[in-house]
């Protein structure tokens, strides 16, 4: 016969500690799987502000292990950190007018990630495929893309 062990009641501070540890573990797990998480506008401006043109503003950005992608009011900027040491970086700029279509797939019950696919010009396969962890509101990503691509 199975014995049911005593149920422990946690204090609010213990609950907060457990949630913090759980979020950190899930963040590490998401990073290992290659899922993107949100980055604050302040952090993006500090690190990538020199890439912006006059009157260009960062609207949203995400970090994917070492790479970053940034939605501005004028374009999509993909930051691709290359090599083992990460000393080489490619900055890819895509004007919204060149994006012909996109799709956003939400995370399911058992999925850890949502997916964004972007097609540029007349390419048959998506030019860009990115995975997001559940902390990212994919509806906001879709809204920004729709606003800029559809005009």
Protein backbone atom coordinates (compact mmCIF):
# COMPACT_ATOMS: atom_id res chain seq x y z
CA UNK A 1 0.00 0.00 0.00
CA UNK A 2 1.28 3.47 -0.85
CA UNK A 3 1.78 5.90 1.98
CA UNK A 4 0.84 9.53 1.33
CA UNK A 5 3.49 11.79 2.76
CA UNK A 6 2.73 14.89 4.77
CA UNK A 7 1.81 17.92 2.61
CA UNK A 8 4.04 20.90 3.32
CA UNK A 9 2.67 24.41 3.37
CA UNK A 10 5.12 27.00 2.06
CA UNK A 11 5.42 30.55 3.29
CA UNK A 12 5.15 33.32 0.67
CA UNK A 13 8.94 33.84 0.77
CA UNK A 14 9.58 30.12 0.16
CA UNK A 15 7.07 30.13 -2.72
CA UNK A 16 8.84 33.13 -4.26
CA UNK A 17 12.22 31.37 -3.89
CA UNK A 18 10.88 28.18 -5.53
CA UNK A 19 9.35 30.18 -8.42
CA UNK A 20 12.61 32.09 -8.92
CA UNK A 21 14.64 28.87 -9.06
CA UNK A 22 12.07 27.30 -11.41
CA UNK A 23 12.18 30.35 -13.76
CA UNK A 24 16.00 30.26 -13.82
CA UNK A 25 16.03 26.55 -14.61
CA UNK A 26 13.44 27.03 -17.39
CA UNK A 27 15.47 29.98 -18.73
CA UNK A 28 18.61 27.83 -18.91
CA UNK A 29 16.60 24.99 -20.47
CA UNK A 30 15.15 27.39 -23.07
CA UNK A 31 18.61 28.75 -23.88
CA UNK A 32 19.98 25.23 -24.38
CA UNK A 33 17.09 24.46 -26.74
CA UNK A 34 17.70 27.69 -28.65
CA UNK A 35 14.53 29.52 -27.66
CA UNK A 36 14.48 33.30 -27.71
CA UNK A 37 13.51 35.46 -24.77
CA UNK A 38 12.61 39.15 -24.59
CA UNK A 39 15.28 41.81 -24.05
CA UNK A 40 14.50 45.23 -22.60
CA UNK A 41 14.60 48.29 -24.89
CA UNK A 42 17.16 49.94 -22.59
CA UNK A 43 19.57 47.00 -22.93
CA UNK A 44 19.12 46.92 -26.70
CA UNK A 45 19.73 50.67 -27.05
CA UNK A 46 22.89 50.47 -24.92
CA UNK A 47 24.31 47.61 -26.96
CA UNK A 48 23.00 48.36 -30.46
CA UNK A 49 22.06 52.05 -30.47
CA UNK A 50 24.94 52.80 -32.84
CA UNK A 51 23.19 50.74 -35.54
CA UNK A 52 20.12 52.98 -35.59
CA UNK A 53 19.52 55.70 -38.16
CA UNK A 54 18.07 59.13 -37.47
CA UNK A 55 14.51 58.84 -36.10
CA UNK A 56 14.81 55.06 -35.86
CA UNK A 57 13.57 53.52 -32.61
CA UNK A 58 13.72 50.01 -31.18
CA UNK A 59 10.23 48.60 -30.64
CA UNK A 60 11.02 45.06 -29.47
CA UNK A 61 13.97 42.68 -29.29
CA UNK A 62 14.83 39.09 -28.46
CA UNK A 63 17.97 37.17 -27.55
CA UNK A 64 18.63 33.67 -28.80
CA UNK A 65 21.69 32.26 -27.00
CA UNK A 66 24.31 34.62 -28.54
CA UNK A 67 22.24 36.06 -31.39
CA UNK A 68 19.75 38.91 -31.14
CA UNK A 69 16.95 40.12 -33.37
CA UNK A 70 15.56 43.61 -33.11
CA UNK A 71 12.34 45.09 -34.47
CA UNK A 72 12.66 48.83 -35.09
CA UNK A 73 10.16 51.26 -36.55
CA UNK A 74 12.03 51.03 -39.90
CA UNK A 75 13.50 47.51 -40.24
CA UNK A 76 14.33 44.16 -38.72
CA UNK A 77 17.94 43.84 -37.53
CA UNK A 78 19.44 40.35 -37.04
CA UNK A 79 22.63 40.20 -34.99
CA UNK A 80 24.53 36.97 -35.70
CA UNK A 81 27.48 36.35 -33.36
CA UNK A 82 29.89 33.99 -35.12
CA UNK A 83 32.84 31.80 -34.21
CA UNK A 84 33.81 30.09 -30.99
CA UNK A 85 34.98 33.27 -29.30
CA UNK A 86 32.14 35.44 -30.63
CA UNK A 87 34.59 38.07 -31.85
CA UNK A 88 33.00 38.21 -35.32
CA UNK A 89 29.47 39.60 -35.66
CA UNK A 90 27.21 40.00 -38.69
CA UNK A 91 24.49 42.65 -38.60
CA UNK A 92 21.77 41.80 -41.13
CA UNK A 93 19.24 44.51 -41.92
CA UNK A 94 15.92 43.64 -43.54
CA UNK A 95 13.56 46.38 -44.66
CA UNK A 96 9.96 45.55 -43.81
CA UNK A 97 8.96 46.20 -47.44
CA UNK A 98 11.04 43.15 -48.46
CA UNK A 99 9.11 40.80 -46.18
CA UNK A 100 6.48 39.16 -48.36
CA UNK A 101 4.84 36.98 -45.71
CA UNK A 102 5.28 35.67 -42.20
CA UNK A 103 3.75 33.15 -39.85
CA UNK A 104 3.59 32.88 -36.08
CA UNK A 105 2.91 29.54 -34.45
CA UNK A 106 1.92 29.64 -30.79
CA UNK A 107 3.27 27.26 -28.17
CA UNK A 108 1.05 24.29 -27.41
CA UNK A 109 0.34 22.64 -24.10
CA UNK A 110 3.41 20.42 -24.26
CA UNK A 111 5.55 22.67 -26.48
CA UNK A 112 8.13 24.89 -24.85
CA UNK A 113 8.29 27.26 -27.74
CA UNK A 114 6.49 29.33 -30.32
CA UNK A 115 7.87 29.85 -33.81
CA UNK A 116 8.24 32.81 -36.15
CA UNK A 117 8.86 32.31 -39.89
CA UNK A 118 9.62 35.18 -42.26
CA UNK A 119 9.82 35.00 -46.05
CA UNK A 120 11.85 37.62 -47.91
CA UNK A 121 11.11 38.54 -51.54
CA UNK A 122 10.10 35.53 -53.63
CA UNK A 123 11.85 32.77 -51.68
CA UNK A 124 9.96 29.48 -51.45
CA UNK A 125 11.27 28.53 -48.00
CA UNK A 126 11.27 30.88 -45.00
CA UNK A 127 14.39 33.05 -44.93
CA UNK A 128 14.25 33.38 -41.16
CA UNK A 129 12.97 30.85 -38.61
CA UNK A 130 13.18 31.73 -34.91
CA UNK A 131 11.90 29.94 -31.82
CA UNK A 132 10.56 31.84 -28.79
CA UNK A 133 10.14 30.63 -25.25
CA UNK A 134 6.80 31.08 -23.49
CA UNK A 135 7.87 34.38 -21.94
CA UNK A 136 7.51 36.05 -25.35
CA UNK A 137 4.09 37.30 -26.38
CA UNK A 138 4.00 36.06 -29.99
CA UNK A 139 0.84 38.07 -30.60
CA UNK A 140 2.87 41.25 -30.00
CA UNK A 141 5.53 40.02 -32.45
CA UNK A 142 2.81 39.34 -35.01
CA UNK A 143 1.25 42.75 -34.39
CA UNK A 144 4.53 44.62 -34.99
CA UNK A 145 5.25 42.64 -38.16
CA UNK A 146 1.72 43.12 -39.48
CA UNK A 147 1.85 46.86 -38.75
CA UNK A 148 5.10 47.33 -40.69
CA UNK A 149 4.65 44.76 -43.47
CA UNK A 150 1.01 45.56 -44.26
CA UNK A 151 1.49 49.30 -43.85
